[in-house]
Amino acid sequence: APGKERELVAAIDSGGVTNYADSVKGRFTISRD
């Protein structure tokens, strides 16, 4: 966001393990094809 540092929102590894920022947990979902 303007004036803020870049922050991790969500990530997914090669095995499908995900992690999310606390601010988006329960609202955002990351997936891979």
PDB file of all heavy atoms in Angstrom:
ATOM      1  N   ALA A   1       0.843  -1.180   0.000  1.00  0.00           N
ATOM      2  CA  ALA A   1       0.000   0.000   0.000  1.00  0.00           C
ATOM      3  C   ALA A   1       0.882   1.235   0.000  1.00  0.00           C
ATOM      4  O   ALA A   1       2.047   1.183   0.412  1.00  0.00           O
ATOM      5  CB  ALA A   1      -0.917  -0.007   1.221  1.00  0.00           C
ATOM      6  N   PRO A   2       0.361   2.371  -0.455  1.00  0.00           N
ATOM      7  CA  PRO A   2       1.166   3.594  -0.485  1.00  0.00           C
ATOM      8  C   PRO A   2       1.753   3.922   0.881  1.00  0.00           C
ATOM      9  O   PRO A   2       1.053   3.922   1.893  1.00  0.00           O
ATOM     10  CB  PRO A   2       0.172   4.660  -0.931  1.00  0.00           C
ATOM     11  CG  PRO A   2      -0.841   3.910  -1.726  1.00  0.00           C
ATOM     12  CD  PRO A   2      -0.980   2.591  -1.031  1.00  0.00           C
ATOM     13  N   GLY A   3       3.045   4.192   0.905  1.00  0.00           N
ATOM     14  CA  GLY A   3       3.718   4.557   2.133  1.00  0.00           C
ATOM     15  C   GLY A   3       4.027   3.413   3.063  1.00  0.00           C
ATOM     16  O   GLY A   3       4.538   3.651   4.165  1.00  0.00           O
ATOM     17  N   LYS A   4       3.732   2.191   2.655  1.00  0.00           N
ATOM     18  CA  LYS A   4       3.973   1.037   3.508  1.00  0.00           C
ATOM     19  C   LYS A   4       4.943   0.070   2.852  1.00  0.00           C
ATOM     20  O   LYS A   4       5.171   0.105   1.642  1.00  0.00           O
ATOM     21  CB  LYS A   4       2.657   0.321   3.825  1.00  0.00           C
ATOM     22  CG  LYS A   4       1.692   1.130   4.668  1.00  0.00           C
ATOM     23  CD  LYS A   4       0.488   0.297   5.072  1.00  0.00           C
ATOM     24  CE  LYS A   4      -0.438   1.065   5.987  1.00  0.00           C
ATOM     25  NZ  LYS A   4      -1.601   0.233   6.404  1.00  0.00           N
ATOM     26  N   GLU A   5       5.500  -0.787   3.677  1.00  0.00           N
ATOM     27  CA  GLU A   5       6.399  -1.819   3.183  1.00  0.00           C
ATOM     28  C   GLU A   5       5.610  -2.930   2.500  1.00  0.00           C
ATOM     29  O   GLU A   5       4.450  -3.192   2.830  1.00  0.00           O
ATOM     30  CB  GLU A   5       7.221  -2.399   4.331  1.00  0.00           C
ATOM     31  CG  GLU A   5       8.134  -1.409   5.023  1.00  0.00           C
ATOM     32  CD  GLU A   5       9.299  -1.018   4.156  1.00  0.00           C
ATOM     33  OE1 GLU A   5       9.728  -1.831   3.318  1.00  0.00           O
ATOM     34  OE2 GLU A   5       9.787   0.115   4.306  1.00  0.00           O
ATOM     35  N   ARG A   6       6.264  -3.585   1.562  1.00  0.00           N
ATOM     36  CA  ARG A   6       5.663  -4.752   0.948  1.00  0.00           C
ATOM     37  C   ARG A   6       5.559  -5.866   1.985  1.00  0.00           C
ATOM     38  O   ARG A   6       6.511  -6.134   2.730  1.00  0.00           O
ATOM     39  CB  ARG A   6       6.496  -5.208  -0.250  1.00  0.00           C
ATOM     40  CG  ARG A   6       5.868  -6.330  -1.046  1.00  0.00           C
ATOM     41  CD  ARG A   6       6.666  -6.651  -2.305  1.00  0.00           C
ATOM     42  NE  ARG A   6       6.753  -5.511  -3.206  1.00  0.00           N
ATOM     43  CZ  ARG A   6       7.259  -5.563  -4.424  1.00  0.00           C
ATOM     44  NH1 ARG A   6       7.728  -6.707  -4.900  1.00  0.00           N
ATOM     45  NH2 ARG A   6       7.314  -4.472  -5.172  1.00  0.00           N
ATOM     46  N   GLU A   7       4.412  -6.517   2.042  1.00  0.00           N
ATOM     47  CA  GLU A   7       4.181  -7.537   3.037  1.00  0.00           C
ATOM     48  C   GLU A   7       3.644  -8.805   2.406  1.00  0.00           C
ATOM     49  O   GLU A   7       2.950  -8.767   1.390  1.00  0.00           O
ATOM     50  CB  GLU A   7       3.193  -7.049   4.108  1.00  0.00           C
ATOM     51  CG  GLU A   7       1.800  -6.771   3.572  1.00  0.00           C
ATOM     52  CD  GLU A   7       0.805  -6.392   4.651  1.00  0.00           C
ATOM     53  OE1 GLU A   7       1.154  -6.471   5.846  1.00  0.00           O
ATOM     54  OE2 GLU A   7      -0.331  -6.005   4.299  1.00  0.00           O
ATOM     55  N   LEU A   8       3.966  -9.910   3.029  1.00  0.00           N
ATOM     56  CA  LEU A   8       3.455 -11.197   2.582  1.00  0.00           C
ATOM     57  C   LEU A   8       1.969 -11.284   2.869  1.00  0.00           C
ATOM     58  O   LEU A   8       1.522 -10.993   3.978  1.00  0.00           O
ATOM     59  CB  LEU A   8       4.182 -12.337   3.288  1.00  0.00           C
ATOM     60  CG  LEU A   8       3.644 -13.741   3.013  1.00  0.00           C
ATOM     61  CD1 LEU A   8       3.944 -14.157   1.580  1.00  0.00           C
ATOM     62  CD2 LEU A   8       4.229 -14.747   3.997  1.00  0.00           C
ATOM     63  N   VAL A   9       1.214 -11.705   1.877  1.00  0.00           N
ATOM     64  CA  VAL A   9      -0.209 -11.955   2.038  1.00  0.00           C
ATOM     65  C   VAL A   9      -0.467 -13.437   2.223  1.00  0.00           C
ATOM     66  O   VAL A   9      -1.141 -13.856   3.167  1.00  0.00           O
ATOM     67  CB  VAL A   9      -1.008 -11.426   0.839  1.00  0.00           C
ATOM     68  CG1 VAL A   9      -2.494 -11.746   0.996  1.00  0.00           C
ATOM     69  CG2 VAL A   9      -0.797  -9.928   0.673  1.00  0.00           C
ATOM     70  N   ALA A  10       0.053 -14.243   1.317  1.00  0.00           N
ATOM     71  CA  ALA A  10      -0.145 -15.679   1.365  1.00  0.00           C
ATOM     72  C   ALA A  10       0.940 -16.352   0.550  1.00  0.00           C
ATOM     73  O   ALA A  10       1.455 -15.776  -0.410  1.00  0.00           O
ATOM     74  CB  ALA A  10      -1.527 -16.069   0.829  1.00  0.00           C
ATOM     75  N   ALA A  11       1.276 -17.565   0.931  1.00  0.00           N
ATOM     76  CA  ALA A  11       2.272 -18.337   0.209  1.00  0.00           C
ATOM     77  C   ALA A  11       1.875 -19.800   0.209  1.00  0.00           C
ATOM     78  O   ALA A  11       1.154 -20.262   1.101  1.00  0.00           O
ATOM     79  CB  ALA A  11       3.659 -18.163   0.830  1.00  0.00           C
ATOM     80  N   ILE A  12       2.362 -20.520  -0.792  1.00  0.00           N
ATOM     81  CA  ILE A  12       2.094 -21.941  -0.903  1.00  0.00           C
ATOM     82  C   ILE A  12       3.345 -22.618  -1.431  1.00  0.00           C
ATOM     83  O   ILE A  12       3.955 -22.154  -2.393  1.00  0.00           O
ATOM     84  CB  ILE A  12       0.863 -22.209  -1.802  1.00  0.00           C
ATOM     85  CG1 ILE A  12       0.541 -23.699  -1.855  1.00  0.00           C
ATOM     86  CG2 ILE A  12       1.064 -21.623  -3.193  1.00  0.00           C
ATOM     87  CD1 ILE A  12      -0.832 -23.978  -2.466  1.00  0.00           C
ATOM     88  N   ASP A  13       3.758 -23.703  -0.795  1.00  0.00           N
ATOM     89  CA  ASP A  13       4.964 -24.378  -1.226  1.00  0.00           C
ATOM     90  C   ASP A  13       4.637 -25.499  -2.204  1.00  0.00           C
ATOM     91  O   ASP A  13       3.486 -25.723  -2.570  1.00  0.00           O
ATOM     92  CB  ASP A  13       5.794 -24.856  -0.027  1.00  0.00           C
ATOM     93  CG  ASP A  13       5.153 -25.996   0.745  1.00  0.00           C
ATOM     94  OD1 ASP A  13       4.183 -26.610   0.266  1.00  0.00           O
ATOM     95  OD2 ASP A  13       5.643 -26.283   1.864  1.00  0.00           O
ATOM     96  N   SER A  14       5.672 -26.205  -2.623  1.00  0.00           N
ATOM     97  CA  SER A  14       5.487 -27.229  -3.642  1.00  0.00           C
ATOM     98  C   SER A  14       4.630 -28.387  -3.165  1.00  0.00           C
ATOM     99  O   SER A  14       4.045 -29.098  -3.985  1.00  0.00           O
ATOM    100  CB  SER A  14       6.847 -27.753  -4.118  1.00  0.00           C
ATOM    101  OG  SER A  14       7.593 -28.295  -3.040  1.00  0.00           O
ATOM    102  N   GLY A  15       4.557 -28.589  -1.857  1.00  0.00           N
ATOM    103  CA  GLY A  15       3.724 -29.634  -1.301  1.00  0.00           C
ATOM    104  C   GLY A  15       2.313 -29.205  -0.979  1.00  0.00           C
ATOM    105  O   GLY A  15       1.525 -30.011  -0.478  1.00  0.00           O
ATOM    106  N   GLY A  16       1.993 -27.954  -1.247  1.00  0.00           N
ATOM    107  CA  GLY A  16       0.657 -27.457  -0.998  1.00  0.00           C
ATOM    108  C   GLY A  16       0.446 -26.852   0.374  1.00  0.00           C
ATOM    109  O   GLY A  16      -0.688 -26.481   0.716  1.00  0.00           O
ATOM    110  N   VAL A  17       1.503 -26.750   1.165  1.00  0.00           N
ATOM    111  CA  VAL A  17       1.383 -26.145   2.477  1.00  0.00           C
ATOM    112  C   VAL A  17       1.272 -24.634   2.327  1.00  0.00           C
ATOM    113  O   VAL A  17       2.064 -24.013   1.616  1.00  0.00           O
ATOM    114  CB  VAL A  17       2.578 -26.508   3.367  1.00  0.00           C
ATOM    115  CG1 VAL A  17       2.479 -25.820   4.722  1.00  0.00           C
ATOM    116  CG2 VAL A  17       2.653 -28.015   3.545  1.00  0.00           C
ATOM    117  N   THR A  18       0.313 -24.056   2.995  1.00  0.00           N
ATOM    118  CA  THR A  18       0.036 -22.631   2.865  1.00  0.00           C
ATOM    119  C   THR A  18       0.301 -21.892   4.161  1.00  0.00           C
ATOM    120  O   THR A  18       0.300 -22.471   5.246  1.00  0.00           O
ATOM    121  CB  THR A  18      -1.423 -22.396   2.457  1.00  0.00           C
ATOM    122  OG1 THR A  18      -2.291 -22.931   3.466  1.00  0.00           O
ATOM    123  CG2 THR A  18      -1.734 -23.075   1.128  1.00  0.00           C
ATOM    124  N   ASN A  19       0.533 -20.607   4.028  1.00  0.00           N
ATOM    125  CA  ASN A  19       0.538 -19.732   5.184  1.00  0.00           C
ATOM    126  C   ASN A  19       0.000 -18.373   4.766  1.00  0.00           C
ATOM    127  O   ASN A  19       0.119 -17.976   3.604  1.00  0.00           O
ATOM    128  CB  ASN A  19       1.913 -19.633   5.849  1.00  0.00           C
ATOM    129  CG  ASN A  19       2.943 -18.911   5.006  1.00  0.00           C
ATOM    130  OD1 ASN A  19       3.019 -17.677   5.031  1.00  0.00           O
ATOM    131  ND2 ASN A  19       3.746 -19.659   4.264  1.00  0.00           N
ATOM    132  N   TYR A  20      -0.586 -17.679   5.729  1.00  0.00           N
ATOM    133  CA  TYR A  20      -1.272 -16.431   5.464  1.00  0.00           C
ATOM    134  C   TYR A  20      -0.904 -15.384   6.491  1.00  0.00           C
ATOM    135  O   TYR A  20      -0.611 -15.701   7.650  1.00  0.00           O
ATOM    136  CB  TYR A  20      -2.789 -16.627   5.518  1.00  0.00           C
ATOM    137  CG  TYR A  20      -3.346 -17.581   4.499  1.00  0.00           C
ATOM    138  CD1 TYR A  20      -3.458 -18.937   4.772  1.00  0.00           C
ATOM    139  CD2 TYR A  20      -3.775 -17.119   3.264  1.00  0.00           C
ATOM    140  CE1 TYR A  20      -3.975 -19.816   3.835  1.00  0.00           C
ATOM    141  CE2 TYR A  20      -4.299 -17.994   2.315  1.00  0.00           C
ATOM    142  CZ  TYR A  20      -4.396 -19.339   2.611  1.00  0.00           C
ATOM    143  OH  TYR A  20      -4.911 -20.196   1.675  1.00  0.00           O
ATOM    144  N   ALA A  21      -0.959 -14.147   6.061  1.00  0.00           N
ATOM    145  CA  ALA A  21      -0.889 -13.059   7.014  1.00  0.00           C
ATOM    146  C   ALA A  21      -2.108 -13.103   7.920  1.00  0.00           C
ATOM    147  O   ALA A  21      -3.205 -13.472   7.492  1.00  0.00           O
ATOM    148  CB  ALA A  21      -0.827 -11.717   6.290  1.00  0.00           C
ATOM    149  N   ASP A  22      -1.920 -12.729   9.171  1.00  0.00           N
ATOM    150  CA  ASP A  22      -3.031 -12.761  10.112  1.00  0.00           C
ATOM    151  C   ASP A  22      -4.211 -11.917   9.635  1.00  0.00           C
ATOM    152  O   ASP A  22      -5.369 -12.260   9.880  1.00  0.00           O
ATOM    153  CB  ASP A  22      -2.579 -12.268  11.486  1.00  0.00           C
ATOM    154  CG  ASP A  22      -1.678 -13.263  12.195  1.00  0.00           C
ATOM    155  OD1 ASP A  22      -1.682 -14.447  11.826  1.00  0.00           O
ATOM    156  OD2 ASP A  22      -0.972 -12.843  13.132  1.00  0.00           O
ATOM    157  N   SER A  23      -3.924 -10.847   8.940  1.00  0.00           N
ATOM    158  CA  SER A  23      -4.965  -9.930   8.522  1.00  0.00           C
ATOM    159  C   SER A  23      -5.896 -10.503   7.459  1.00  0.00           C
ATOM    160  O   SER A  23      -6.980  -9.958   7.241  1.00  0.00           O
ATOM    161  CB  SER A  23      -4.345  -8.626   8.008  1.00  0.00           C
ATOM    162  OG  SER A  23      -3.492  -8.874   6.912  1.00  0.00           O
ATOM    163  N   VAL A  24      -5.482 -11.583   6.796  1.00  0.00           N
ATOM    164  CA  VAL A  24      -6.306 -12.139   5.728  1.00  0.00           C
ATOM    165  C   VAL A  24      -6.785 -13.548   6.020  1.00  0.00           C
ATOM    166  O   VAL A  24      -7.554 -14.110   5.223  1.00  0.00           O
ATOM    167  CB  VAL A  24      -5.566 -12.120   4.372  1.00  0.00           C
ATOM    168  CG1 VAL A  24      -5.051 -10.724   4.068  1.00  0.00           C
ATOM    169  CG2 VAL A  24      -4.426 -13.137   4.346  1.00  0.00           C
ATOM    170  N   LYS A  25      -6.382 -14.118   7.124  1.00  0.00           N
ATOM    171  CA  LYS A  25      -6.799 -15.476   7.457  1.00  0.00           C
ATOM    172  C   LYS A  25      -8.319 -15.568   7.542  1.00  0.00           C
ATOM    173  O   LYS A  25      -8.976 -14.727   8.146  1.00  0.00           O
ATOM    174  CB  LYS A  25      -6.182 -15.916   8.782  1.00  0.00           C
ATOM    175  CG  LYS A  25      -4.706 -16.240   8.697  1.00  0.00           C
ATOM    176  CD  LYS A  25      -4.157 -16.678  10.045  1.00  0.00           C
ATOM    177  CE  LYS A  25      -2.677 -17.015   9.940  1.00  0.00           C
ATOM    178  NZ  LYS A  25      -2.102 -17.379  11.260  1.00  0.00           N
ATOM    179  N   GLY A  26      -8.839 -16.595   6.922  1.00  0.00           N
ATOM    180  CA  GLY A  26     -10.277 -16.788   6.893  1.00  0.00           C
ATOM    181  C   GLY A  26     -10.980 -16.063   5.776  1.00  0.00           C
ATOM    182  O   GLY A  26     -12.171 -16.321   5.537  1.00  0.00           O
ATOM    183  N   ARG A  27     -10.288 -15.170   5.097  1.00  0.00           N
ATOM    184  CA  ARG A  27     -10.885 -14.415   4.002  1.00  0.00           C
ATOM    185  C   ARG A  27     -10.249 -14.732   2.651  1.00  0.00           C
ATOM    186  O   ARG A  27     -10.942 -14.738   1.635  1.00  0.00           O
ATOM    187  CB  ARG A  27     -10.777 -12.911   4.263  1.00  0.00           C
ATOM    188  CG  ARG A  27     -11.479 -12.458   5.535  1.00  0.00           C
ATOM    189  CD  ARG A  27     -11.507 -10.945   5.643  1.00  0.00           C
ATOM    190  NE  ARG A  27     -10.165 -10.371   5.708  1.00  0.00           N
ATOM    191  CZ  ARG A  27      -9.668  -9.500   4.826  1.00  0.00           C
ATOM    192  NH1 ARG A  27     -10.415  -9.101   3.803  1.00  0.00           N
ATOM    193  NH2 ARG A  27      -8.441  -9.021   4.979  1.00  0.00           N
ATOM    194  N   PHE A  28      -8.946 -14.960   2.647  1.00  0.00           N
ATOM    195  CA  PHE A  28      -8.217 -15.214   1.408  1.00  0.00           C
ATOM    196  C   PHE A  28      -7.804 -16.675   1.335  1.00  0.00           C
ATOM    197  O   PHE A  28      -7.511 -17.306   2.361  1.00  0.00           O
ATOM    198  CB  PHE A  28      -6.952 -14.359   1.329  1.00  0.00           C
ATOM    199  CG  PHE A  28      -7.180 -12.880   1.169  1.00  0.00           C
ATOM    200  CD1 PHE A  28      -8.443 -12.319   1.277  1.00  0.00           C
ATOM    201  CD2 PHE A  28      -6.105 -12.044   0.907  1.00  0.00           C
ATOM    202  CE1 PHE A  28      -8.649 -10.960   1.138  1.00  0.00           C
ATOM    203  CE2 PHE A  28      -6.290 -10.678   0.762  1.00  0.00           C
ATOM    204  CZ  PHE A  28      -7.553 -10.136   0.876  1.00  0.00           C
ATOM    205  N   THR A  29      -7.738 -17.192   0.127  1.00  0.00           N
ATOM    206  CA  THR A  29      -7.285 -18.553  -0.104  1.00  0.00           C
ATOM    207  C   THR A  29      -6.310 -18.568  -1.269  1.00  0.00           C
ATOM    208  O   THR A  29      -6.625 -18.065  -2.351  1.00  0.00           O
ATOM    209  CB  THR A  29      -8.452 -19.498  -0.408  1.00  0.00           C
ATOM    210  OG1 THR A  29      -9.392 -19.467   0.667  1.00  0.00           O
ATOM    211  CG2 THR A  29      -7.944 -20.927  -0.581  1.00  0.00           C
ATOM    212  N   ILE A  30      -5.142 -19.150  -1.051  1.00  0.00           N
ATOM    213  CA  ILE A  30      -4.165 -19.293  -2.110  1.00  0.00           C
ATOM    214  C   ILE A  30      -4.202 -20.729  -2.616  1.00  0.00           C
ATOM    215  O   ILE A  30      -4.394 -21.670  -1.839  1.00  0.00           O
ATOM    216  CB  ILE A  30      -2.750 -18.905  -1.629  1.00  0.00           C
ATOM    217  CG1 ILE A  30      -1.769 -18.847  -2.801  1.00  0.00           C
ATOM    218  CG2 ILE A  30      -2.250 -19.841  -0.535  1.00  0.00           C
ATOM    219  CD1 ILE A  30      -0.423 -18.227  -2.439  1.00  0.00           C
ATOM    220  N   SER A  31      -4.027 -20.900  -3.913  1.00  0.00           N
ATOM    221  CA  SER A  31      -4.030 -22.223  -4.511  1.00  0.00           C
ATOM    222  C   SER A  31      -3.111 -22.230  -5.717  1.00  0.00           C
ATOM    223  O   SER A  31      -2.725 -21.177  -6.227  1.00  0.00           O
ATOM    224  CB  SER A  31      -5.448 -22.648  -4.905  1.00  0.00           C
ATOM    225  OG  SER A  31      -6.007 -21.750  -5.848  1.00  0.00           O
ATOM    226  N   ARG A  32      -2.765 -23.438  -6.162  1.00  0.00           N
ATOM    227  CA  ARG A  32      -1.887 -23.595  -7.316  1.00  0.00           C
ATOM    228  C   ARG A  32      -2.470 -24.599  -8.290  1.00  0.00           C
ATOM    229  O   ARG A  32      -3.112 -25.573  -7.896  1.00  0.00           O
ATOM    230  CB  ARG A  32      -0.495 -24.092  -6.891  1.00  0.00           C
ATOM    231  CG  ARG A  32       0.315 -23.141  -6.080  1.00  0.00           C
ATOM    232  CD  ARG A  32       1.615 -23.772  -5.614  1.00  0.00           C
ATOM    233  NE  ARG A  32       2.598 -23.886  -6.687  1.00  0.00           N
ATOM    234  CZ  ARG A  32       3.895 -24.084  -6.488  1.00  0.00           C
ATOM    235  NH1 ARG A  32       4.363 -24.182  -5.247  1.00  0.00           N
ATOM    236  NH2 ARG A  32       4.716 -24.196  -7.514  1.00  0.00           N
ATOM    237  N   ASP A  33      -2.208 -24.356  -9.551  1.00  0.00           N
ATOM    238  CA  ASP A  33      -2.462 -25.307 -10.609  1.00  0.00           C
ATOM    239  C   ASP A  33      -1.107 -25.581 -11.245  1.00  0.00           C
ATOM    240  O   ASP A  33      -0.650 -24.819 -12.097  1.00  0.00           O
ATOM    241  CB  ASP A  33      -3.453 -24.761 -11.628  1.00  0.00           C
ATOM    242  CG  ASP A  33      -3.818 -25.772 -12.694  1.00  0.00           C
ATOM    243  OD1 ASP A  33      -3.060 -26.729 -12.916  1.00  0.00           O
ATOM    244  OD2 ASP A  33      -4.891 -25.604 -13.321  1.00  0.00           O
TER     245      ASP A  33
END
